[in-house]
Amino acid sequence: MSNWLKYIGIFIMLLFLQVLLLDNLHWLGLVHPFIYIWAIILLPIELPRWLQMLIGAAIGMVMDLFTHAPGIHMAGCVMMAYLRPLLVSGVVQDIDRMKGAVTSDTIGMGNWLRIVAILVGVHHAIVFMLEAFTFAHFGYTLLQIILSGIFSYALLLMLEYLRKNA
């Protein structure tokens, strides 16, 4: 029970940071960092995939409510929650014995960096492609995906560093 309270607290903290600070940070309209996805990355690996996807949908829906973007963040978060167990099982040798959150401590820093890079890329591609909903400005959308992904990845790396050294 206390672990769930910790996860809920982390999500609320990330949501406040995202909505109050990062959603107001737009550099030339290209950089839109998303750190709320760390809540999905941190979910315990032993959760069933359907529950991970349900939690991802709920997290995405909350963000959609705050950003007035119906279903966009939800789609990205559900895809992240779906892919995360596949990616973790692809890099962790003894996945059946692994318990707890997916962190750099549990799966190793190199594996964590690879998994997070893929998940950030997938999430951002879905969010920005659905937001644009056209290929007319594909170059601009691709630039948004890349720049926002790099900035989000750097912020997630800083959050993981802070978590590890706390």
N, C-alpha and C. Protein backbone atom coordinates (compact mmCIF):
# COMPACT_ATOMS: atom_id res chain seq x y z
N MET A 1 0.82 -1.20 0.00
CA MET A 1 0.00 0.00 0.00
C MET A 1 0.86 1.26 0.00
N SER A 2 1.94 1.25 0.78
CA SER A 2 2.78 2.44 0.83
C SER A 2 3.48 2.70 -0.51
N ASN A 3 3.78 1.61 -1.26
CA ASN A 3 4.37 1.81 -2.58
C ASN A 3 3.40 2.52 -3.51
N TRP A 4 2.12 2.16 -3.43
CA TRP A 4 1.13 2.81 -4.28
C TRP A 4 0.97 4.28 -3.92
N LEU A 5 1.03 4.57 -2.63
CA LEU A 5 0.97 5.97 -2.21
C LEU A 5 2.17 6.75 -2.74
N LYS A 6 3.33 6.09 -2.75
CA LYS A 6 4.54 6.71 -3.29
C LYS A 6 4.38 7.00 -4.79
N TYR A 7 3.84 6.02 -5.54
CA TYR A 7 3.64 6.22 -6.98
C TYR A 7 2.63 7.32 -7.25
N ILE A 8 1.56 7.36 -6.46
CA ILE A 8 0.55 8.41 -6.63
C ILE A 8 1.16 9.77 -6.32
N GLY A 9 1.97 9.85 -5.26
CA GLY A 9 2.66 11.09 -4.93
C GLY A 9 3.60 11.54 -6.03
N ILE A 10 4.34 10.60 -6.59
CA ILE A 10 5.25 10.93 -7.70
C ILE A 10 4.47 11.45 -8.89
N PHE A 11 3.35 10.77 -9.21
CA PHE A 11 2.54 11.21 -10.36
C PHE A 11 1.98 12.61 -10.12
N ILE A 12 1.49 12.89 -8.93
CA ILE A 12 0.94 14.21 -8.63
C ILE A 12 2.03 15.27 -8.74
N MET A 13 3.23 14.96 -8.24
CA MET A 13 4.34 15.90 -8.35
C MET A 13 4.68 16.15 -9.83
N LEU A 14 4.76 15.07 -10.61
CA LEU A 14 5.07 15.22 -12.03
C LEU A 14 3.98 15.99 -12.77
N LEU A 15 2.73 15.73 -12.40
CA LEU A 15 1.61 16.42 -13.03
C LEU A 15 1.68 17.92 -12.75
N PHE A 16 1.95 18.29 -11.50
CA PHE A 16 2.07 19.71 -11.17
C PHE A 16 3.23 20.36 -11.92
N LEU A 17 4.38 19.70 -11.95
CA LEU A 17 5.52 20.24 -12.70
C LEU A 17 5.19 20.39 -14.18
N GLN A 18 4.52 19.38 -14.73
CA GLN A 18 4.18 19.40 -16.14
C GLN A 18 3.19 20.52 -16.46
N VAL A 19 2.12 20.60 -15.71
CA VAL A 19 1.05 21.55 -16.01
C VAL A 19 1.43 22.99 -15.66
N LEU A 20 2.05 23.17 -14.51
CA LEU A 20 2.33 24.54 -14.06
C LEU A 20 3.61 25.13 -14.63
N LEU A 21 4.57 24.28 -14.95
CA LEU A 21 5.86 24.80 -15.41
C LEU A 21 6.15 24.45 -16.86
N LEU A 22 6.21 23.17 -17.15
CA LEU A 22 6.69 22.74 -18.47
C LEU A 22 5.71 23.00 -19.60
N ASP A 23 4.40 22.97 -19.32
CA ASP A 23 3.43 23.26 -20.38
C ASP A 23 3.47 24.73 -20.80
N ASN A 24 4.07 25.57 -19.98
CA ASN A 24 4.21 26.98 -20.32
C ASN A 24 5.56 27.29 -20.95
N LEU A 25 6.39 26.28 -21.10
CA LEU A 25 7.71 26.45 -21.70
C LEU A 25 7.65 25.98 -23.15
N HIS A 26 7.71 26.93 -24.06
CA HIS A 26 7.69 26.60 -25.49
C HIS A 26 8.78 27.42 -26.17
N TRP A 27 9.78 26.73 -26.64
CA TRP A 27 10.88 27.41 -27.32
C TRP A 27 10.62 27.36 -28.82
N LEU A 28 10.27 28.49 -29.40
CA LEU A 28 9.95 28.63 -30.82
C LEU A 28 8.82 27.69 -31.26
N GLY A 29 8.01 27.25 -30.31
CA GLY A 29 6.93 26.34 -30.64
C GLY A 29 7.39 24.93 -30.97
N LEU A 30 8.66 24.64 -30.75
CA LEU A 30 9.21 23.34 -31.13
C LEU A 30 9.46 22.41 -29.95
N VAL A 31 9.83 22.95 -28.81
CA VAL A 31 10.21 22.12 -27.68
C VAL A 31 9.08 22.08 -26.66
N HIS A 32 8.51 20.90 -26.48
CA HIS A 32 7.44 20.67 -25.51
C HIS A 32 7.85 19.46 -24.67
N PRO A 33 8.55 19.68 -23.57
CA PRO A 33 9.02 18.54 -22.78
C PRO A 33 7.88 17.89 -21.98
N PHE A 34 7.92 16.58 -21.91
CA PHE A 34 6.92 15.81 -21.16
C PHE A 34 7.64 14.94 -20.14
N ILE A 35 7.50 15.29 -18.85
CA ILE A 35 8.12 14.48 -17.81
C ILE A 35 7.11 13.59 -17.10
N TYR A 36 5.82 13.83 -17.32
CA TYR A 36 4.81 13.03 -16.65
C TYR A 36 4.91 11.55 -17.04
N ILE A 37 5.54 11.26 -18.16
CA ILE A 37 5.65 9.87 -18.61
C ILE A 37 6.58 9.05 -17.72
N TRP A 38 7.35 9.72 -16.87
CA TRP A 38 8.20 9.00 -15.92
C TRP A 38 7.36 8.12 -15.00
N ALA A 39 6.12 8.55 -14.73
CA ALA A 39 5.23 7.75 -13.88
C ALA A 39 4.94 6.39 -14.51
N ILE A 40 4.87 6.33 -15.83
CA ILE A 40 4.65 5.05 -16.52
C ILE A 40 5.92 4.23 -16.52
N ILE A 41 7.05 4.88 -16.74
CA ILE A 41 8.33 4.18 -16.77
C ILE A 41 8.60 3.52 -15.42
N LEU A 42 8.22 4.18 -14.32
CA LEU A 42 8.51 3.69 -12.97
C LEU A 42 7.58 2.58 -12.49
N LEU A 43 6.52 2.29 -13.20
CA LEU A 43 5.57 1.28 -12.71
C LEU A 43 6.27 -0.04 -12.42
N PRO A 44 5.80 -0.77 -11.41
CA PRO A 44 6.40 -2.08 -11.09
C PRO A 44 6.26 -3.04 -12.27
N ILE A 45 7.29 -3.78 -12.53
CA ILE A 45 7.32 -4.68 -13.68
C ILE A 45 6.38 -5.87 -13.51
N GLU A 46 6.08 -6.22 -12.26
CA GLU A 46 5.25 -7.40 -12.04
C GLU A 46 3.76 -7.15 -12.26
N LEU A 47 3.39 -5.89 -12.51
CA LEU A 47 1.98 -5.60 -12.81
C LEU A 47 1.59 -6.27 -14.13
N PRO A 48 0.38 -6.80 -14.22
CA PRO A 48 -0.07 -7.34 -15.51
C PRO A 48 -0.11 -6.24 -16.57
N ARG A 49 0.13 -6.64 -17.81
CA ARG A 49 0.18 -5.66 -18.89
C ARG A 49 -1.13 -4.87 -19.01
N TRP A 50 -2.28 -5.54 -18.82
CA TRP A 50 -3.56 -4.83 -18.94
C TRP A 50 -3.67 -3.73 -17.89
N LEU A 51 -3.14 -3.98 -16.69
CA LEU A 51 -3.19 -2.97 -15.64
C LEU A 51 -2.22 -1.83 -15.95
N GLN A 52 -1.06 -2.15 -16.51
CA GLN A 52 -0.12 -1.10 -16.91
C GLN A 52 -0.75 -0.21 -17.98
N MET A 53 -1.45 -0.85 -18.93
CA MET A 53 -2.10 -0.07 -19.99
C MET A 53 -3.25 0.77 -19.44
N LEU A 54 -3.98 0.24 -18.47
CA LEU A 54 -5.06 0.99 -17.85
C LEU A 54 -4.53 2.19 -17.08
N ILE A 55 -3.43 1.99 -16.35
CA ILE A 55 -2.80 3.10 -15.63
C ILE A 55 -2.26 4.13 -16.63
N GLY A 56 -1.66 3.65 -17.72
CA GLY A 56 -1.18 4.56 -18.76
C GLY A 56 -2.32 5.36 -19.37
N ALA A 57 -3.46 4.71 -19.59
CA ALA A 57 -4.63 5.42 -20.12
C ALA A 57 -5.11 6.48 -19.15
N ALA A 58 -5.13 6.15 -17.87
CA ALA A 58 -5.57 7.12 -16.86
C ALA A 58 -4.62 8.31 -16.79
N ILE A 59 -3.32 8.04 -16.81
CA ILE A 59 -2.33 9.12 -16.77
C ILE A 59 -2.47 10.01 -18.01
N GLY A 60 -2.60 9.38 -19.18
CA GLY A 60 -2.78 10.15 -20.41
C GLY A 60 -4.07 10.95 -20.41
N MET A 61 -5.15 10.38 -19.86
CA MET A 61 -6.42 11.08 -19.80
C MET A 61 -6.34 12.31 -18.90
N VAL A 62 -5.64 12.18 -17.78
CA VAL A 62 -5.46 13.34 -16.90
C VAL A 62 -4.72 14.45 -17.64
N MET A 63 -3.66 14.08 -18.36
CA MET A 63 -2.92 15.10 -19.13
C MET A 63 -3.79 15.70 -20.23
N ASP A 64 -4.60 14.88 -20.89
CA ASP A 64 -5.50 15.39 -21.92
C ASP A 64 -6.49 16.39 -21.35
N LEU A 65 -6.96 16.14 -20.14
CA LEU A 65 -7.89 17.08 -19.50
C LEU A 65 -7.23 18.43 -19.25
N PHE A 66 -5.98 18.41 -18.85
CA PHE A 66 -5.27 19.66 -18.55
C PHE A 66 -4.83 20.39 -19.82
N THR A 67 -4.57 19.65 -20.89
CA THR A 67 -4.06 20.28 -22.11
C THR A 67 -5.14 20.46 -23.17
N HIS A 68 -6.35 20.03 -22.89
CA HIS A 68 -7.47 20.16 -23.83
C HIS A 68 -7.14 19.47 -25.16
N ALA A 69 -6.52 18.31 -25.07
CA ALA A 69 -6.14 17.55 -26.25
C ALA A 69 -6.78 16.16 -26.14
N PRO A 70 -7.99 16.00 -26.61
CA PRO A 70 -8.73 14.75 -26.37
C PRO A 70 -8.07 13.52 -26.99
N GLY A 71 -7.56 12.66 -26.13
CA GLY A 71 -7.05 11.36 -26.56
C GLY A 71 -5.61 11.32 -27.03
N ILE A 72 -4.98 12.46 -27.23
CA ILE A 72 -3.63 12.48 -27.79
C ILE A 72 -2.62 11.91 -26.80
N HIS A 73 -2.60 12.43 -25.59
CA HIS A 73 -1.66 11.93 -24.58
C HIS A 73 -2.04 10.52 -24.15
N MET A 74 -3.32 10.25 -24.14
CA MET A 74 -3.79 8.92 -23.76
C MET A 74 -3.26 7.87 -24.74
N ALA A 75 -3.29 8.17 -26.02
CA ALA A 75 -2.79 7.23 -27.02
C ALA A 75 -1.29 6.99 -26.84
N GLY A 76 -0.54 8.04 -26.62
CA GLY A 76 0.90 7.90 -26.41
C GLY A 76 1.23 7.11 -25.16
N CYS A 77 0.49 7.36 -24.09
CA CYS A 77 0.75 6.68 -22.82
C CYS A 77 0.36 5.20 -22.88
N VAL A 78 -0.74 4.89 -23.53
CA VAL A 78 -1.14 3.49 -23.66
C VAL A 78 -0.11 2.71 -24.48
N MET A 79 0.39 3.31 -25.54
CA MET A 79 1.41 2.64 -26.34
C MET A 79 2.69 2.45 -25.54
N MET A 80 3.07 3.44 -24.75
CA MET A 80 4.24 3.30 -23.87
C MET A 80 4.06 2.14 -22.90
N ALA A 81 2.88 2.10 -22.27
CA ALA A 81 2.60 1.06 -21.28
C ALA A 81 2.56 -0.32 -21.93
N TYR A 82 2.15 -0.38 -23.19
CA TYR A 82 2.12 -1.65 -23.90
C TYR A 82 3.54 -2.12 -24.25
N LEU A 83 4.37 -1.21 -24.71
CA LEU A 83 5.71 -1.56 -25.16
C LEU A 83 6.71 -1.78 -24.02
N ARG A 84 6.50 -1.14 -22.91
CA ARG A 84 7.47 -1.17 -21.80
C ARG A 84 7.81 -2.59 -21.35
N PRO A 85 6.84 -3.47 -21.09
CA PRO A 85 7.21 -4.84 -20.67
C PRO A 85 7.99 -5.60 -21.75
N LEU A 86 7.66 -5.35 -23.02
CA LEU A 86 8.39 -6.01 -24.11
C LEU A 86 9.85 -5.55 -24.13
N LEU A 87 10.06 -4.26 -23.97
CA LEU A 87 11.42 -3.73 -23.98
C LEU A 87 12.22 -4.22 -22.77
N VAL A 88 11.60 -4.21 -21.60
CA VAL A 88 12.30 -4.66 -20.39
C VAL A 88 12.65 -6.13 -20.50
N SER A 89 11.71 -6.94 -20.97
CA SER A 89 12.01 -8.37 -21.10
C SER A 89 13.05 -8.65 -22.17
N GLY A 90 13.21 -7.72 -23.11
CA GLY A 90 14.24 -7.87 -24.12
C GLY A 90 15.64 -7.60 -23.62
N VAL A 91 15.76 -6.82 -22.55
CA VAL A 91 17.10 -6.48 -22.05
C VAL A 91 17.45 -7.14 -20.72
N VAL A 92 16.44 -7.53 -19.94
CA VAL A 92 16.69 -8.14 -18.65
C VAL A 92 16.69 -9.66 -18.80
N GLN A 93 17.77 -10.29 -18.36
CA GLN A 93 17.92 -11.73 -18.54
C GLN A 93 16.90 -12.53 -17.73
N ASP A 94 16.75 -12.21 -16.46
CA ASP A 94 15.90 -12.98 -15.57
C ASP A 94 14.68 -12.16 -15.17
N ILE A 95 13.81 -11.90 -16.15
CA ILE A 95 12.67 -11.03 -15.95
C ILE A 95 11.70 -11.58 -14.91
N ASP A 96 11.60 -12.89 -14.79
CA ASP A 96 10.65 -13.50 -13.86
C ASP A 96 10.99 -13.20 -12.41
N ARG A 97 12.26 -13.00 -12.11
CA ARG A 97 12.69 -12.73 -10.73
C ARG A 97 12.73 -11.24 -10.42
N MET A 98 12.56 -10.40 -11.43
CA MET A 98 12.63 -8.95 -11.22
C MET A 98 11.36 -8.46 -10.54
N LYS A 99 11.53 -7.63 -9.54
CA LYS A 99 10.41 -7.05 -8.80
C LYS A 99 10.63 -5.55 -8.68
N GLY A 100 9.55 -4.82 -8.57
CA GLY A 100 9.63 -3.39 -8.30
C GLY A 100 9.67 -2.53 -9.54
N ALA A 101 10.00 -1.28 -9.32
CA ALA A 101 9.99 -0.27 -10.38
C ALA A 101 11.11 -0.51 -11.39
N VAL A 102 10.88 -0.04 -12.61
CA VAL A 102 11.90 -0.11 -13.65
C VAL A 102 12.77 1.14 -13.49
N THR A 103 13.92 0.94 -12.86
CA THR A 103 14.85 2.05 -12.62
C THR A 103 16.23 1.64 -13.11
N SER A 104 17.14 2.58 -13.08
CA SER A 104 18.52 2.26 -13.48
C SER A 104 19.16 1.30 -12.49
N ASP A 105 18.66 1.26 -11.26
CA ASP A 105 19.17 0.32 -10.26
C ASP A 105 18.76 -1.12 -10.58
N THR A 106 17.53 -1.29 -11.04
CA THR A 106 17.01 -2.65 -11.24
C THR A 106 17.40 -3.26 -12.58
N ILE A 107 17.55 -2.44 -13.61
CA ILE A 107 17.87 -3.01 -14.93
C ILE A 107 19.22 -2.55 -15.47
N GLY A 108 19.90 -1.71 -14.74
CA GLY A 108 21.20 -1.19 -15.20
C GLY A 108 21.02 0.11 -15.97
N MET A 109 21.99 0.99 -15.82
CA MET A 109 21.89 2.31 -16.44
C MET A 109 21.83 2.25 -17.96
N GLY A 110 22.66 1.43 -18.57
CA GLY A 110 22.67 1.33 -20.03
C GLY A 110 21.33 0.85 -20.56
N ASN A 111 20.79 -0.19 -19.95
CA ASN A 111 19.48 -0.70 -20.37
C ASN A 111 18.38 0.34 -20.13
N TRP A 112 18.46 1.03 -19.00
CA TRP A 112 17.47 2.05 -18.69
C TRP A 112 17.50 3.17 -19.72
N LEU A 113 18.70 3.60 -20.09
CA LEU A 113 18.84 4.67 -21.08
C LEU A 113 18.25 4.26 -22.42
N ARG A 114 18.50 3.02 -22.85
CA ARG A 114 17.96 2.55 -24.13
C ARG A 114 16.44 2.46 -24.09
N ILE A 115 15.91 1.88 -23.02
CA ILE A 115 14.46 1.71 -22.91
C ILE A 115 13.77 3.06 -22.87
N VAL A 116 14.28 3.97 -22.08
CA VAL A 116 13.66 5.29 -21.96
C VAL A 116 13.74 6.05 -23.29
N ALA A 117 14.85 5.93 -24.00
CA ALA A 117 14.98 6.61 -25.29
C ALA A 117 13.91 6.10 -26.26
N ILE A 118 13.70 4.80 -26.30
CA ILE A 118 12.68 4.23 -27.20
C ILE A 118 11.29 4.68 -26.77
N LEU A 119 10.99 4.60 -25.47
CA LEU A 119 9.67 4.97 -24.99
C LEU A 119 9.38 6.45 -25.21
N VAL A 120 10.36 7.30 -24.97
CA VAL A 120 10.18 8.74 -25.21
C VAL A 120 9.93 8.98 -26.70
N GLY A 121 10.71 8.33 -27.55
CA GLY A 121 10.53 8.50 -28.99
C GLY A 121 9.16 8.06 -29.46
N VAL A 122 8.70 6.92 -28.98
CA VAL A 122 7.37 6.42 -29.36
C VAL A 122 6.29 7.36 -28.87
N HIS A 123 6.37 7.73 -27.60
CA HIS A 123 5.35 8.63 -27.02
C HIS A 123 5.29 9.94 -27.79
N HIS A 124 6.44 10.56 -27.99
CA HIS A 124 6.46 11.86 -28.66
C HIS A 124 6.01 11.76 -30.12
N ALA A 125 6.39 10.68 -30.80
CA ALA A 125 5.94 10.51 -32.19
C ALA A 125 4.42 10.42 -32.25
N ILE A 126 3.83 9.64 -31.37
CA ILE A 126 2.37 9.51 -31.38
C ILE A 126 1.70 10.83 -31.03
N VAL A 127 2.16 11.48 -29.98
CA VAL A 127 1.53 12.73 -29.53
C VAL A 127 1.62 13.80 -30.61
N PHE A 128 2.79 14.02 -31.18
CA PHE A 128 2.93 15.11 -32.14
C PHE A 128 2.32 14.77 -33.50
N MET A 129 2.34 13.50 -33.89
CA MET A 129 1.68 13.13 -35.15
C MET A 129 0.16 13.25 -35.03
N LEU A 130 -0.39 12.84 -33.89
CA LEU A 130 -1.83 13.01 -33.70
C LEU A 130 -2.22 14.48 -33.57
N GLU A 131 -1.36 15.26 -32.94
CA GLU A 131 -1.64 16.68 -32.80
C GLU A 131 -1.65 17.37 -34.16
N ALA A 132 -0.69 17.04 -35.01
CA ALA A 132 -0.63 17.64 -36.35
C ALA A 132 -1.73 17.08 -37.24
N PHE A 133 -1.94 15.79 -37.17
CA PHE A 133 -2.95 15.05 -37.94
C PHE A 133 -2.88 15.32 -39.43
N THR A 134 -1.67 15.56 -39.91
CA THR A 134 -1.44 15.75 -41.34
C THR A 134 0.03 15.52 -41.62
N PHE A 135 0.32 15.19 -42.86
CA PHE A 135 1.71 15.06 -43.28
C PHE A 135 2.17 16.30 -44.04
N ALA A 136 1.31 17.32 -44.09
CA ALA A 136 1.63 18.52 -44.84
C ALA A 136 2.86 19.24 -44.29
N HIS A 137 3.02 19.22 -42.98
CA HIS A 137 4.16 19.88 -42.34
C HIS A 137 5.00 18.84 -41.61
N PHE A 138 5.31 17.76 -42.31
CA PHE A 138 6.00 16.63 -41.69
C PHE A 138 7.36 17.02 -41.13
N GLY A 139 8.09 17.88 -41.83
CA GLY A 139 9.41 18.31 -41.37
C GLY A 139 9.33 19.04 -40.04
N TYR A 140 8.35 19.93 -39.91
CA TYR A 140 8.15 20.67 -38.66
C TYR A 140 7.77 19.71 -37.53
N THR A 141 6.87 18.77 -37.82
CA THR A 141 6.44 17.80 -36.82
C THR A 141 7.60 16.92 -36.40
N LEU A 142 8.40 16.49 -37.36
CA LEU A 142 9.57 15.66 -37.05
C LEU A 142 10.57 16.44 -36.18
N LEU A 143 10.75 17.71 -36.47
CA LEU A 143 11.63 18.54 -35.66
C LEU A 143 11.09 18.68 -34.23
N GLN A 144 9.77 18.82 -34.09
CA GLN A 144 9.16 18.86 -32.75
C GLN A 144 9.41 17.56 -32.00
N ILE A 145 9.24 16.43 -32.69
CA ILE A 145 9.45 15.12 -32.07
C ILE A 145 10.88 14.99 -31.58
N ILE A 146 11.83 15.35 -32.42
CA ILE A 146 13.25 15.18 -32.09
C ILE A 146 13.67 16.12 -30.97
N LEU A 147 13.38 17.41 -31.10
CA LEU A 147 13.81 18.37 -30.09
C LEU A 147 13.10 18.16 -28.76
N SER A 148 11.80 17.92 -28.80
CA SER A 148 11.07 17.67 -27.55
C SER A 148 11.53 16.36 -26.92
N GLY A 149 11.82 15.37 -27.75
CA GLY A 149 12.30 14.09 -27.24
C GLY A 149 13.65 14.22 -26.55
N ILE A 150 14.55 14.97 -27.14
CA ILE A 150 15.87 15.18 -26.54
C ILE A 150 15.73 15.90 -25.20
N PHE A 151 14.93 16.95 -25.18
CA PHE A 151 14.76 17.72 -23.95
C PHE A 151 14.07 16.89 -22.87
N SER A 152 13.02 16.13 -23.25
CA SER A 152 12.33 15.27 -22.28
C SER A 152 13.26 14.19 -21.76
N TYR A 153 14.04 13.60 -22.64
CA TYR A 153 15.00 12.56 -22.27
C TYR A 153 16.00 13.09 -21.25
N ALA A 154 16.50 14.30 -21.49
CA ALA A 154 17.46 14.91 -20.55
C ALA A 154 16.80 15.16 -19.19
N LEU A 155 15.56 15.63 -19.19
CA LEU A 155 14.86 15.86 -17.92
C LEU A 155 14.59 14.56 -17.19
N LEU A 156 14.23 13.50 -17.92
CA LEU A 156 14.00 12.20 -17.29
C LEU A 156 15.30 11.64 -16.72
N LEU A 157 16.40 11.86 -17.41
CA LEU A 157 17.70 11.42 -16.90
C LEU A 157 18.03 12.17 -15.61
N MET A 158 17.73 13.46 -15.56
CA MET A 158 17.96 14.22 -14.33
C MET A 158 17.07 13.73 -13.20
N LEU A 159 15.80 13.42 -13.49
CA LEU A 159 14.90 12.89 -12.47
C LEU A 159 15.40 11.55 -11.93
N GLU A 160 15.88 10.69 -12.83
CA GLU A 160 16.41 9.40 -12.41
C GLU A 160 17.66 9.58 -11.56
N TYR A 161 18.49 10.52 -11.92
CA TYR A 161 19.69 10.81 -11.13
C TYR A 161 19.30 11.29 -9.73
N LEU A 162 18.31 12.18 -9.65
CA LEU A 162 17.83 12.68 -8.36
C LEU A 162 17.21 11.55 -7.54
N ARG A 163 16.45 10.68 -8.18
CA ARG A 163 15.84 9.54 -7.48
C ARG A 163 16.90 8.62 -6.94
N LYS A 164 17.92 8.37 -7.75
CA LYS A 164 18.98 7.44 -7.36
C LYS A 164 19.81 7.99 -6.20
N ASN A 165 20.01 9.29 -6.16
CA ASN A 165 20.86 9.90 -5.13
C ASN A 165 20.07 10.50 -3.97
N ALA A 166 18.79 10.24 -3.93
CA ALA A 166 17.97 10.78 -2.82
C ALA A 166 18.05 9.91 -1.60
